[in-house]
Amino acid sequence: GGICTREDVVSAVWPDDVSDGISEQAIDALVRRLRDRISEYAPDHQYIVTVRGHGFRLEQG
């Protein structure tokens, strides 16, 4: 799939008036929790891949 930047994640998750000041660490923690949840159902596949310097990409199963 296409690459989602951290800014894309912020705008999709937090409303405009709350999104200011969201750190990269907060986004990484959110993605880590999402990966953990997904791995409960599909432990043998990583659906969210980090693209260093760019963001995240969704992988098909």
PDB file of N, CA and C in Angstrom:
ATOM      1  N   GLY A   1       0.814  -1.193   0.000  1.00  0.00           N
ATOM      2  CA  GLY A   1       0.000   0.000   0.000  1.00  0.00           C
ATOM      3  C   GLY A   1       0.850   1.245   0.000  1.00  0.00           C
ATOM      4  N   GLY A   2       0.178   2.363  -0.028  1.00  0.00           N
ATOM      5  CA  GLY A   2       0.854   3.649   0.001  1.00  0.00           C
ATOM      6  C   GLY A   2       1.385   3.978   1.382  1.00  0.00           C
ATOM      7  N   ILE A   3       2.274   4.942   1.439  1.00  0.00           N
ATOM      8  CA  ILE A   3       2.876   5.344   2.706  1.00  0.00           C
ATOM      9  C   ILE A   3       2.013   6.402   3.374  1.00  0.00           C
ATOM     10  N   CYS A   4       1.795   6.213   4.667  1.00  0.00           N
ATOM     11  CA  CYS A   4       1.075   7.162   5.519  1.00  0.00           C
ATOM     12  C   CYS A   4       2.111   7.889   6.365  1.00  0.00           C
ATOM     13  N   THR A   5       2.169   9.185   6.278  1.00  0.00           N
ATOM     14  CA  THR A   5       3.106   9.927   7.117  1.00  0.00           C
ATOM     15  C   THR A   5       2.560  10.028   8.536  1.00  0.00           C
ATOM     16  N   ARG A   6       3.404  10.421   9.459  1.00  0.00           N
ATOM     17  CA  ARG A   6       2.937  10.632  10.833  1.00  0.00           C
ATOM     18  C   ARG A   6       1.884  11.740  10.869  1.00  0.00           C
ATOM     19  N   GLU A   7       2.045  12.735  10.004  1.00  0.00           N
ATOM     20  CA  GLU A   7       1.053  13.812   9.930  1.00  0.00           C
ATOM     21  C   GLU A   7      -0.298  13.268   9.475  1.00  0.00           C
ATOM     22  N   ASP A   8      -0.295  12.317   8.556  1.00  0.00           N
ATOM     23  CA  ASP A   8      -1.537  11.671   8.119  1.00  0.00           C
ATOM     24  C   ASP A   8      -2.217  10.970   9.293  1.00  0.00           C
ATOM     25  N   VAL A   9      -1.405  10.289  10.106  1.00  0.00           N
ATOM     26  CA  VAL A   9      -1.946   9.587  11.272  1.00  0.00           C
ATOM     27  C   VAL A   9      -2.559  10.582  12.244  1.00  0.00           C
ATOM     28  N   VAL A  10      -1.853  11.670  12.525  1.00  0.00           N
ATOM     29  CA  VAL A  10      -2.357  12.685  13.456  1.00  0.00           C
ATOM     30  C   VAL A  10      -3.680  13.245  12.966  1.00  0.00           C
ATOM     31  N   SER A  11      -3.762  13.609  11.697  1.00  0.00           N
ATOM     32  CA  SER A  11      -4.997  14.219  11.191  1.00  0.00           C
ATOM     33  C   SER A  11      -6.153  13.225  11.161  1.00  0.00           C
ATOM     34  N   ALA A  12      -5.858  11.930  11.043  1.00  0.00           N
ATOM     35  CA  ALA A  12      -6.918  10.922  11.027  1.00  0.00           C
ATOM     36  C   ALA A  12      -7.405  10.562  12.425  1.00  0.00           C
ATOM     37  N   VAL A  13      -6.531  10.687  13.424  1.00  0.00           N
ATOM     38  CA  VAL A  13      -6.866  10.222  14.772  1.00  0.00           C
ATOM     39  C   VAL A  13      -7.350  11.345  15.681  1.00  0.00           C
ATOM     40  N   TRP A  14      -6.698  12.498  15.628  1.00  0.00           N
ATOM     41  CA  TRP A  14      -7.034  13.581  16.541  1.00  0.00           C
ATOM     42  C   TRP A  14      -7.714  14.725  15.800  1.00  0.00           C
ATOM     43  N   PRO A  15      -8.719  15.335  16.424  1.00  0.00           N
ATOM     44  CA  PRO A  15      -9.367  16.512  15.820  1.00  0.00           C
ATOM     45  C   PRO A  15      -8.368  17.663  15.685  1.00  0.00           C
ATOM     46  N   ASP A  16      -8.672  18.582  14.781  1.00  0.00           N
ATOM     47  CA  ASP A  16      -7.760  19.694  14.500  1.00  0.00           C
ATOM     48  C   ASP A  16      -7.345  20.468  15.740  1.00  0.00           C
ATOM     49  N   ASP A  17      -8.279  20.730  16.640  1.00  0.00           N
ATOM     50  CA  ASP A  17      -7.955  21.559  17.798  1.00  0.00           C
ATOM     51  C   ASP A  17      -7.134  20.813  18.846  1.00  0.00           C
ATOM     52  N   VAL A  18      -6.986  19.508  18.703  1.00  0.00           N
ATOM     53  CA  VAL A  18      -6.232  18.720  19.674  1.00  0.00           C
ATOM     54  C   VAL A  18      -4.887  18.271  19.105  1.00  0.00           C
ATOM     55  N   SER A  19      -4.739  18.292  17.799  1.00  0.00           N
ATOM     56  CA  SER A  19      -3.576  17.683  17.155  1.00  0.00           C
ATOM     57  C   SER A  19      -2.272  18.453  17.344  1.00  0.00           C
ATOM     58  N   ASP A  20      -2.342  19.718  17.723  1.00  0.00           N
ATOM     59  CA  ASP A  20      -1.115  20.482  17.936  1.00  0.00           C
ATOM     60  C   ASP A  20      -0.333  19.899  19.102  1.00  0.00           C
ATOM     61  N   GLY A  21       0.950  19.710  18.903  1.00  0.00           N
ATOM     62  CA  GLY A  21       1.802  19.234  19.976  1.00  0.00           C
ATOM     63  C   GLY A  21       1.845  17.736  20.158  1.00  0.00           C
ATOM     64  N   ILE A  22       1.238  16.971  19.258  1.00  0.00           N
ATOM     65  CA  ILE A  22       1.318  15.512  19.343  1.00  0.00           C
ATOM     66  C   ILE A  22       2.732  15.116  18.916  1.00  0.00           C
ATOM     67  N   SER A  23       3.436  14.414  19.781  1.00  0.00           N
ATOM     68  CA  SER A  23       4.833  14.073  19.504  1.00  0.00           C
ATOM     69  C   SER A  23       4.948  12.821  18.636  1.00  0.00           C
ATOM     70  N   GLU A  24       6.115  12.670  18.030  1.00  0.00           N
ATOM     71  CA  GLU A  24       6.377  11.457  17.254  1.00  0.00           C
ATOM     72  C   GLU A  24       6.337  10.233  18.156  1.00  0.00           C
ATOM     73  N   GLN A  25       6.761  10.406  19.405  1.00  0.00           N
ATOM     74  CA  GLN A  25       6.728   9.296  20.357  1.00  0.00           C
ATOM     75  C   GLN A  25       5.294   8.851  20.625  1.00  0.00           C
ATOM     76  N   ALA A  26       4.365   9.792  20.698  1.00  0.00           N
ATOM     77  CA  ALA A  26       2.957   9.447  20.918  1.00  0.00           C
ATOM     78  C   ALA A  26       2.401   8.675  19.721  1.00  0.00           C
ATOM     79  N   ILE A  27       2.778   9.082  18.531  1.00  0.00           N
ATOM     80  CA  ILE A  27       2.325   8.382  17.327  1.00  0.00           C
ATOM     81  C   ILE A  27       2.921   6.977  17.283  1.00  0.00           C
ATOM     82  N   ASP A  28       4.214   6.878  17.593  1.00  0.00           N
ATOM     83  CA  ASP A  28       4.865   5.563  17.605  1.00  0.00           C
ATOM     84  C   ASP A  28       4.224   4.641  18.634  1.00  0.00           C
ATOM     85  N   ALA A  29       3.863   5.182  19.800  1.00  0.00           N
ATOM     86  CA  ALA A  29       3.200   4.376  20.833  1.00  0.00           C
ATOM     87  C   ALA A  29       1.832   3.907  20.352  1.00  0.00           C
ATOM     88  N   LEU A  30       1.105   4.776  19.670  1.00  0.00           N
ATOM     89  CA  LEU A  30      -0.200   4.410  19.124  1.00  0.00           C
ATOM     90  C   LEU A  30      -0.066   3.276  18.106  1.00  0.00           C
ATOM     91  N   VAL A  31       0.898   3.396  17.218  1.00  0.00           N
ATOM     92  CA  VAL A  31       1.119   2.366  16.202  1.00  0.00           C
ATOM     93  C   VAL A  31       1.565   1.061  16.863  1.00  0.00           C
ATOM     94  N   ARG A  32       2.407   1.157  17.883  1.00  0.00           N
ATOM     95  CA  ARG A  32       2.855  -0.046  18.595  1.00  0.00           C
ATOM     96  C   ARG A  32       1.676  -0.772  19.245  1.00  0.00           C
ATOM     97  N   ARG A  33       0.769  -0.009  19.873  1.00  0.00           N
ATOM     98  CA  ARG A  33      -0.421  -0.630  20.479  1.00  0.00           C
ATOM     99  C   ARG A  33      -1.308  -1.267  19.417  1.00  0.00           C
ATOM    100  N   LEU A  34      -1.445  -0.604  18.282  1.00  0.00           N
ATOM    101  CA  LEU A  34      -2.242  -1.161  17.190  1.00  0.00           C
ATOM    102  C   LEU A  34      -1.612  -2.450  16.664  1.00  0.00           C
ATOM    103  N   ARG A  35      -0.291  -2.446  16.501  1.00  0.00           N
ATOM    104  CA  ARG A  35       0.405  -3.672  16.074  1.00  0.00           C
ATOM    105  C   ARG A  35       0.185  -4.804  17.071  1.00  0.00           C
ATOM    106  N   ASP A  36       0.269  -4.477  18.365  1.00  0.00           N
ATOM    107  CA  ASP A  36       0.056  -5.494  19.405  1.00  0.00           C
ATOM    108  C   ASP A  36      -1.341  -6.091  19.311  1.00  0.00           C
ATOM    109  N   ARG A  37      -2.334  -5.237  19.103  1.00  0.00           N
ATOM    110  CA  ARG A  37      -3.717  -5.722  18.981  1.00  0.00           C
ATOM    111  C   ARG A  37      -3.881  -6.615  17.758  1.00  0.00           C
ATOM    112  N   ILE A  38      -3.330  -6.179  16.642  1.00  0.00           N
ATOM    113  CA  ILE A  38      -3.443  -6.968  15.412  1.00  0.00           C
ATOM    114  C   ILE A  38      -2.737  -8.309  15.576  1.00  0.00           C
ATOM    115  N   SER A  39      -1.600  -8.316  16.252  1.00  0.00           N
ATOM    116  CA  SER A  39      -0.829  -9.560  16.389  1.00  0.00           C
ATOM    117  C   SER A  39      -1.552 -10.602  17.237  1.00  0.00           C
ATOM    118  N   GLU A  40      -2.522 -10.176  18.040  1.00  0.00           N
ATOM    119  CA  GLU A  40      -3.330 -11.137  18.790  1.00  0.00           C
ATOM    120  C   GLU A  40      -4.138 -12.025  17.841  1.00  0.00           C
ATOM    121  N   TYR A  41      -4.497 -11.478  16.688  1.00  0.00           N
ATOM    122  CA  TYR A  41      -5.326 -12.197  15.720  1.00  0.00           C
ATOM    123  C   TYR A  41      -4.516 -12.770  14.558  1.00  0.00           C
ATOM    124  N   ALA A  42      -3.385 -12.163  14.279  1.00  0.00           N
ATOM    125  CA  ALA A  42      -2.540 -12.617  13.165  1.00  0.00           C
ATOM    126  C   ALA A  42      -1.068 -12.513  13.576  1.00  0.00           C
ATOM    127  N   PRO A  43      -0.610 -13.419  14.442  1.00  0.00           N
ATOM    128  CA  PRO A  43       0.750 -13.295  14.983  1.00  0.00           C
ATOM    129  C   PRO A  43       1.868 -13.537  13.967  1.00  0.00           C
ATOM    130  N   ASP A  44       1.561 -14.140  12.843  1.00  0.00           N
ATOM    131  CA  ASP A  44       2.600 -14.487  11.877  1.00  0.00           C
ATOM    132  C   ASP A  44       2.797 -13.459  10.765  1.00  0.00           C
ATOM    133  N   HIS A  45       2.106 -12.338  10.851  1.00  0.00           N
ATOM    134  CA  HIS A  45       2.227 -11.340   9.784  1.00  0.00           C
ATOM    135  C   HIS A  45       2.250  -9.941  10.389  1.00  0.00           C
ATOM    136  N   GLN A  46       3.122  -9.098   9.867  1.00  0.00           N
ATOM    137  CA  GLN A  46       3.177  -7.708  10.304  1.00  0.00           C
ATOM    138  C   GLN A  46       2.456  -6.858   9.262  1.00  0.00           C
ATOM    139  N   TYR A  47       1.300  -6.339   9.639  1.00  0.00           N
ATOM    140  CA  TYR A  47       0.477  -5.571   8.707  1.00  0.00           C
ATOM    141  C   TYR A  47       0.896  -4.112   8.599  1.00  0.00           C
ATOM    142  N   ILE A  48       1.486  -3.576   9.665  1.00  0.00           N
ATOM    143  CA  ILE A  48       1.928  -2.182   9.657  1.00  0.00           C
ATOM    144  C   ILE A  48       3.450  -2.177   9.641  1.00  0.00           C
ATOM    145  N   VAL A  49       4.020  -1.660   8.557  1.00  0.00           N
ATOM    146  CA  VAL A  49       5.469  -1.639   8.382  1.00  0.00           C
ATOM    147  C   VAL A  49       5.953  -0.198   8.479  1.00  0.00           C
ATOM    148  N   THR A  50       7.001   0.025   9.252  1.00  0.00           N
ATOM    149  CA  THR A  50       7.598   1.350   9.342  1.00  0.00           C
ATOM    150  C   THR A  50       8.500   1.571   8.139  1.00  0.00           C
ATOM    151  N   VAL A  51       8.314   2.703   7.477  1.00  0.00           N
ATOM    152  CA  VAL A  51       9.169   3.098   6.363  1.00  0.00           C
ATOM    153  C   VAL A  51      10.029   4.239   6.896  1.00  0.00           C
ATOM    154  N   ARG A  52      11.243   3.906   7.241  1.00  0.00           N
ATOM    155  CA  ARG A  52      12.132   4.844   7.928  1.00  0.00           C
ATOM    156  C   ARG A  52      12.240   6.175   7.183  1.00  0.00           C
ATOM    157  N   GLY A  53      12.029   7.247   7.936  1.00  0.00           N
ATOM    158  CA  GLY A  53      12.126   8.585   7.377  1.00  0.00           C
ATOM    159  C   GLY A  53      10.879   9.051   6.646  1.00  0.00           C
ATOM    160  N   HIS A  54       9.875   8.171   6.523  1.00  0.00           N
ATOM    161  CA  HIS A  54       8.676   8.537   5.767  1.00  0.00           C
ATOM    162  C   HIS A  54       7.384   8.336   6.541  1.00  0.00           C
ATOM    163  N   GLY A  55       7.238   7.205   7.214  1.00  0.00           N
ATOM    164  CA  GLY A  55       5.992   6.937   7.926  1.00  0.00           C
ATOM    165  C   GLY A  55       5.706   5.451   8.010  1.00  0.00           C
ATOM    166  N   PHE A  56       4.493   5.078   7.630  1.00  0.00           N
ATOM    167  CA  PHE A  56       4.047   3.696   7.763  1.00  0.00           C
ATOM    168  C   PHE A  56       3.368   3.240   6.477  1.00  0.00           C
ATOM    169  N   ARG A  57       3.413   1.928   6.260  1.00  0.00           N
ATOM    170  CA  ARG A  57       2.756   1.338   5.095  1.00  0.00           C
ATOM    171  C   ARG A  57       1.971   0.121   5.565  1.00  0.00           C
ATOM    172  N   LEU A  58       0.776  -0.056   5.030  1.00  0.00           N
ATOM    173  CA  LEU A  58      -0.024  -1.238   5.341  1.00  0.00           C
ATOM    174  C   LEU A  58       0.312  -2.338   4.349  1.00  0.00           C
ATOM    175  N   GLU A  59       0.539  -3.532   4.870  1.00  0.00           N
ATOM    176  CA  GLU A  59       0.844  -4.701   4.048  1.00  0.00           C
ATOM    177  C   GLU A  59      -0.374  -5.607   3.992  1.00  0.00           C
ATOM    178  N   GLN A  60      -0.622  -6.196   2.847  1.00  0.00           N
ATOM    179  CA  GLN A  60      -1.726  -7.148   2.716  1.00  0.00           C
ATOM    180  C   GLN A  60      -1.355  -8.463   3.383  1.00  0.00           C
ATOM    181  N   GLY A  61      -2.374  -9.180   3.817  1.00  0.00           N
ATOM    182  CA  GLY A  61      -2.150 -10.453   4.510  1.00  0.00           C
ATOM    183  C   GLY A  61      -1.986 -11.616   3.609  1.00  0.00           C
TER     184      GLY A  61
END
